[in-house]
Amino acid sequence: MAVVFGAEQVSDGELNRPVNRLAHYLRKRGVNPNTPVGLPPKRSVEIIIVVL
């Protein structure tokens, strides 16, 4: 498991897909490493996806 948050468990493969999808989405919209991006307000596995 790559991430365990309460009862939620996510493997490396399960984590990699949404991370890559988000990265491609942001790059298509002109986001680069120096562009601030907001984080989801509640703690969850989604925060790990955004950070990665």
PDB file of N, CA and C in Angstrom:
ATOM      1  N   MET A   1       0.830  -1.177   0.000  1.00  0.00           N
ATOM      2  CA  MET A   1       0.000   0.000   0.000  1.00  0.00           C
ATOM      3  C   MET A   1       0.883   1.252   0.000  1.00  0.00           C
ATOM      4  N   ALA A   2       0.515   2.184  -0.836  1.00  0.00           N
ATOM      5  CA  ALA A   2       1.247   3.448  -0.909  1.00  0.00           C
ATOM      6  C   ALA A   2       0.705   4.439   0.120  1.00  0.00           C
ATOM      7  N   VAL A   3      -0.619   4.426   0.322  1.00  0.00           N
ATOM      8  CA  VAL A   3      -1.254   5.367   1.245  1.00  0.00           C
ATOM      9  C   VAL A   3      -2.332   4.622   2.030  1.00  0.00           C
ATOM     10  N   VAL A   4      -2.358   4.850   3.335  1.00  0.00           N
ATOM     11  CA  VAL A   4      -3.438   4.352   4.176  1.00  0.00           C
ATOM     12  C   VAL A   4      -3.989   5.547   4.930  1.00  0.00           C
ATOM     13  N   PHE A   5      -5.284   5.808   4.760  1.00  0.00           N
ATOM     14  CA  PHE A   5      -5.938   6.928   5.431  1.00  0.00           C
ATOM     15  C   PHE A   5      -7.226   6.401   6.040  1.00  0.00           C
ATOM     16  N   GLY A   6      -7.203   6.156   7.321  1.00  0.00           N
ATOM     17  CA  GLY A   6      -8.355   5.541   7.978  1.00  0.00           C
ATOM     18  C   GLY A   6      -8.569   4.156   7.395  1.00  0.00           C
ATOM     19  N   ALA A   7      -9.764   3.887   6.911  1.00  0.00           N
ATOM     20  CA  ALA A   7     -10.086   2.594   6.312  1.00  0.00           C
ATOM     21  C   ALA A   7      -9.721   2.546   4.831  1.00  0.00           C
ATOM     22  N   GLU A   8      -9.334   3.673   4.269  1.00  0.00           N
ATOM     23  CA  GLU A   8      -9.014   3.749   2.841  1.00  0.00           C
ATOM     24  C   GLU A   8      -7.550   3.369   2.607  1.00  0.00           C
ATOM     25  N   GLN A   9      -7.332   2.448   1.670  1.00  0.00           N
ATOM     26  CA  GLN A   9      -5.994   2.018   1.302  1.00  0.00           C
ATOM     27  C   GLN A   9      -5.839   2.147  -0.210  1.00  0.00           C
ATOM     28  N   VAL A  10      -4.702   2.689  -0.642  1.00  0.00           N
ATOM     29  CA  VAL A  10      -4.462   2.901  -2.067  1.00  0.00           C
ATOM     30  C   VAL A  10      -3.086   2.330  -2.412  1.00  0.00           C
ATOM     31  N   SER A  11      -3.044   1.497  -3.452  1.00  0.00           N
ATOM     32  CA  SER A  11      -1.773   0.910  -3.880  1.00  0.00           C
ATOM     33  C   SER A  11      -1.017   1.897  -4.771  1.00  0.00           C
ATOM     34  N   ASP A  12       0.238   1.569  -5.077  1.00  0.00           N
ATOM     35  CA  ASP A  12       1.036   2.422  -5.962  1.00  0.00           C
ATOM     36  C   ASP A  12       0.337   2.630  -7.302  1.00  0.00           C
ATOM     37  N   GLY A  13      -0.140   1.551  -7.904  1.00  0.00           N
ATOM     38  CA  GLY A  13      -0.811   1.638  -9.200  1.00  0.00           C
ATOM     39  C   GLY A  13      -2.076   2.469  -9.149  1.00  0.00           C
ATOM     40  N   GLU A  14      -2.851   2.280  -8.092  1.00  0.00           N
ATOM     41  CA  GLU A  14      -4.085   3.045  -7.939  1.00  0.00           C
ATOM     42  C   GLU A  14      -3.791   4.526  -7.713  1.00  0.00           C
ATOM     43  N   LEU A  15      -2.678   4.840  -7.100  1.00  0.00           N
ATOM     44  CA  LEU A  15      -2.292   6.223  -6.835  1.00  0.00           C
ATOM     45  C   LEU A  15      -1.700   6.870  -8.081  1.00  0.00           C
ATOM     46  N   ASN A  16      -0.948   6.114  -8.836  1.00  0.00           N
ATOM     47  CA  ASN A  16      -0.255   6.644 -10.004  1.00  0.00           C
ATOM     48  C   ASN A  16      -1.219   7.147 -11.084  1.00  0.00           C
ATOM     49  N   ARG A  17      -2.303   6.435 -11.338  1.00  0.00           N
ATOM     50  CA  ARG A  17      -3.254   6.825 -12.389  1.00  0.00           C
ATOM     51  C   ARG A  17      -3.850   8.214 -12.159  1.00  0.00           C
ATOM     52  N   PRO A  18      -4.451   8.495 -11.001  1.00  0.00           N
ATOM     53  CA  PRO A  18      -5.017   9.835 -10.811  1.00  0.00           C
ATOM     54  C   PRO A  18      -3.946  10.923 -10.727  1.00  0.00           C
ATOM     55  N   VAL A  19      -2.752  10.588 -10.216  1.00  0.00           N
ATOM     56  CA  VAL A  19      -1.667  11.571 -10.170  1.00  0.00           C
ATOM     57  C   VAL A  19      -1.300  11.991 -11.588  1.00  0.00           C
ATOM     58  N   ASN A  20      -1.113  11.029 -12.480  1.00  0.00           N
ATOM     59  CA  ASN A  20      -0.772  11.345 -13.867  1.00  0.00           C
ATOM     60  C   ASN A  20      -1.905  12.081 -14.573  1.00  0.00           C
ATOM     61  N   ARG A  21      -3.141  11.674 -14.318  1.00  0.00           N
ATOM     62  CA  ARG A  21      -4.298  12.333 -14.936  1.00  0.00           C
ATOM     63  C   ARG A  21      -4.359  13.802 -14.511  1.00  0.00           C
ATOM     64  N   LEU A  22      -4.162  14.070 -13.225  1.00  0.00           N
ATOM     65  CA  LEU A  22      -4.177  15.445 -12.735  1.00  0.00           C
ATOM     66  C   LEU A  22      -3.013  16.242 -13.309  1.00  0.00           C
ATOM     67  N   ALA A  23      -1.831  15.640 -13.364  1.00  0.00           N
ATOM     68  CA  ALA A  23      -0.659  16.332 -13.908  1.00  0.00           C
ATOM     69  C   ALA A  23      -0.892  16.725 -15.360  1.00  0.00           C
ATOM     70  N   HIS A  24      -1.429  15.828 -16.168  1.00  0.00           N
ATOM     71  CA  HIS A  24      -1.701  16.149 -17.576  1.00  0.00           C
ATOM     72  C   HIS A  24      -2.761  17.242 -17.694  1.00  0.00           C
ATOM     73  N   TYR A  25      -3.784  17.147 -16.876  1.00  0.00           N
ATOM     74  CA  TYR A  25      -4.849  18.158 -16.878  1.00  0.00           C
ATOM     75  C   TYR A  25      -4.273  19.545 -16.567  1.00  0.00           C
ATOM     76  N   LEU A  26      -3.435  19.627 -15.533  1.00  0.00           N
ATOM     77  CA  LEU A  26      -2.869  20.918 -15.132  1.00  0.00           C
ATOM     78  C   LEU A  26      -1.898  21.449 -16.189  1.00  0.00           C
ATOM     79  N   ARG A  27      -1.071  20.579 -16.765  1.00  0.00           N
ATOM     80  CA  ARG A  27      -0.105  21.018 -17.786  1.00  0.00           C
ATOM     81  C   ARG A  27      -0.826  21.562 -19.018  1.00  0.00           C
ATOM     82  N   LYS A  28      -1.941  20.926 -19.417  1.00  0.00           N
ATOM     83  CA  LYS A  28      -2.712  21.405 -20.573  1.00  0.00           C
ATOM     84  C   LYS A  28      -3.263  22.807 -20.324  1.00  0.00           C
ATOM     85  N   ARG A  29      -3.457  23.160 -19.076  1.00  0.00           N
ATOM     86  CA  ARG A  29      -4.005  24.469 -18.727  1.00  0.00           C
ATOM     87  C   ARG A  29      -2.922  25.476 -18.366  1.00  0.00           C
ATOM     88  N   GLY A  30      -1.663  25.131 -18.651  1.00  0.00           N
ATOM     89  CA  GLY A  30      -0.578  26.076 -18.473  1.00  0.00           C
ATOM     90  C   GLY A  30       0.040  26.130 -17.095  1.00  0.00           C
ATOM     91  N   VAL A  31      -0.326  25.193 -16.221  1.00  0.00           N
ATOM     92  CA  VAL A  31       0.252  25.173 -14.879  1.00  0.00           C
ATOM     93  C   VAL A  31       1.671  24.617 -14.980  1.00  0.00           C
ATOM     94  N   ASN A  32       2.617  25.297 -14.346  1.00  0.00           N
ATOM     95  CA  ASN A  32       4.000  24.829 -14.324  1.00  0.00           C
ATOM     96  C   ASN A  32       4.446  24.678 -12.866  1.00  0.00           C
ATOM     97  N   PRO A  33       5.676  24.221 -12.627  1.00  0.00           N
ATOM     98  CA  PRO A  33       6.101  23.998 -11.237  1.00  0.00           C
ATOM     99  C   PRO A  33       6.049  25.239 -10.346  1.00  0.00           C
ATOM    100  N   ASN A  34       6.036  26.435 -10.905  1.00  0.00           N
ATOM    101  CA  ASN A  34       6.002  27.654 -10.093  1.00  0.00           C
ATOM    102  C   ASN A  34       4.597  28.226  -9.926  1.00  0.00           C
ATOM    103  N   THR A  35       3.577  27.562 -10.461  1.00  0.00           N
ATOM    104  CA  THR A  35       2.205  28.041 -10.387  1.00  0.00           C
ATOM    105  C   THR A  35       1.535  27.524  -9.117  1.00  0.00           C
ATOM    106  N   PRO A  36       1.010  28.423  -8.278  1.00  0.00           N
ATOM    107  CA  PRO A  36       0.280  27.950  -7.091  1.00  0.00           C
ATOM    108  C   PRO A  36      -1.000  27.218  -7.501  1.00  0.00           C
ATOM    109  N   VAL A  37      -1.299  26.139  -6.806  1.00  0.00           N
ATOM    110  CA  VAL A  37      -2.509  25.360  -7.059  1.00  0.00           C
ATOM    111  C   VAL A  37      -3.154  25.084  -5.708  1.00  0.00           C
ATOM    112  N   GLY A  38      -4.459  25.309  -5.594  1.00  0.00           N
ATOM    113  CA  GLY A  38      -5.176  25.083  -4.340  1.00  0.00           C
ATOM    114  C   GLY A  38      -5.307  23.606  -4.011  1.00  0.00           C
ATOM    115  N   LEU A  39      -5.373  23.296  -2.729  1.00  0.00           N
ATOM    116  CA  LEU A  39      -5.555  21.932  -2.253  1.00  0.00           C
ATOM    117  C   LEU A  39      -6.980  21.724  -1.772  1.00  0.00           C
ATOM    118  N   PRO A  40      -7.477  20.486  -1.842  1.00  0.00           N
ATOM    119  CA  PRO A  40      -8.807  20.219  -1.289  1.00  0.00           C
ATOM    120  C   PRO A  40      -8.835  20.574   0.200  1.00  0.00           C
ATOM    121  N   PRO A  41      -9.943  21.124   0.686  1.00  0.00           N
ATOM    122  CA  PRO A  41      -9.996  21.590   2.071  1.00  0.00           C
ATOM    123  C   PRO A  41     -10.009  20.487   3.122  1.00  0.00           C
ATOM    124  N   LYS A  42     -10.455  19.286   2.787  1.00  0.00           N
ATOM    125  CA  LYS A  42     -10.499  18.240   3.816  1.00  0.00           C
ATOM    126  C   LYS A  42      -9.369  17.242   3.612  1.00  0.00           C
ATOM    127  N   ARG A  43      -8.949  16.635   4.701  1.00  0.00           N
ATOM    128  CA  ARG A  43      -7.881  15.635   4.622  1.00  0.00           C
ATOM    129  C   ARG A  43      -8.428  14.363   4.004  1.00  0.00           C
ATOM    130  N   SER A  44      -7.695  13.857   3.029  1.00  0.00           N
ATOM    131  CA  SER A  44      -8.098  12.630   2.348  1.00  0.00           C
ATOM    132  C   SER A  44      -6.944  12.152   1.478  1.00  0.00           C
ATOM    133  N   VAL A  45      -7.161  11.047   0.811  1.00  0.00           N
ATOM    134  CA  VAL A  45      -6.167  10.540  -0.137  1.00  0.00           C
ATOM    135  C   VAL A  45      -5.999  11.531  -1.283  1.00  0.00           C
ATOM    136  N   GLU A  46      -7.026  12.305  -1.597  1.00  0.00           N
ATOM    137  CA  GLU A  46      -6.951  13.277  -2.687  1.00  0.00           C
ATOM    138  C   GLU A  46      -5.839  14.299  -2.452  1.00  0.00           C
ATOM    139  N   ILE A  47      -5.546  14.648  -1.238  1.00  0.00           N
ATOM    140  CA  ILE A  47      -4.457  15.591  -0.948  1.00  0.00           C
ATOM    141  C   ILE A  47      -3.133  14.982  -1.385  1.00  0.00           C
ATOM    142  N   ILE A  48      -2.945  13.694  -1.157  1.00  0.00           N
ATOM    143  CA  ILE A  48      -1.707  13.030  -1.577  1.00  0.00           C
ATOM    144  C   ILE A  48      -1.580  13.093  -3.098  1.00  0.00           C
ATOM    145  N   ILE A  49      -2.674  12.884  -3.806  1.00  0.00           N
ATOM    146  CA  ILE A  49      -2.674  12.955  -5.267  1.00  0.00           C
ATOM    147  C   ILE A  49      -2.257  14.334  -5.721  1.00  0.00           C
ATOM    148  N   VAL A  50      -2.812  15.373  -5.121  1.00  0.00           N
ATOM    149  CA  VAL A  50      -2.494  16.747  -5.505  1.00  0.00           C
ATOM    150  C   VAL A  50      -1.031  17.070  -5.193  1.00  0.00           C
ATOM    151  N   VAL A  51      -0.544  16.647  -4.066  1.00  0.00           N
ATOM    152  CA  VAL A  51       0.841  16.942  -3.682  1.00  0.00           C
ATOM    153  C   VAL A  51       1.814  16.246  -4.625  1.00  0.00           C
ATOM    154  N   LEU A  52       1.521  15.003  -4.984  1.00  0.00           N
ATOM    155  CA  LEU A  52       2.415  14.276  -5.888  1.00  0.00           C
ATOM    156  C   LEU A  52       2.359  14.857  -7.273  1.00  0.00           C
TER     157      LEU A  52
END
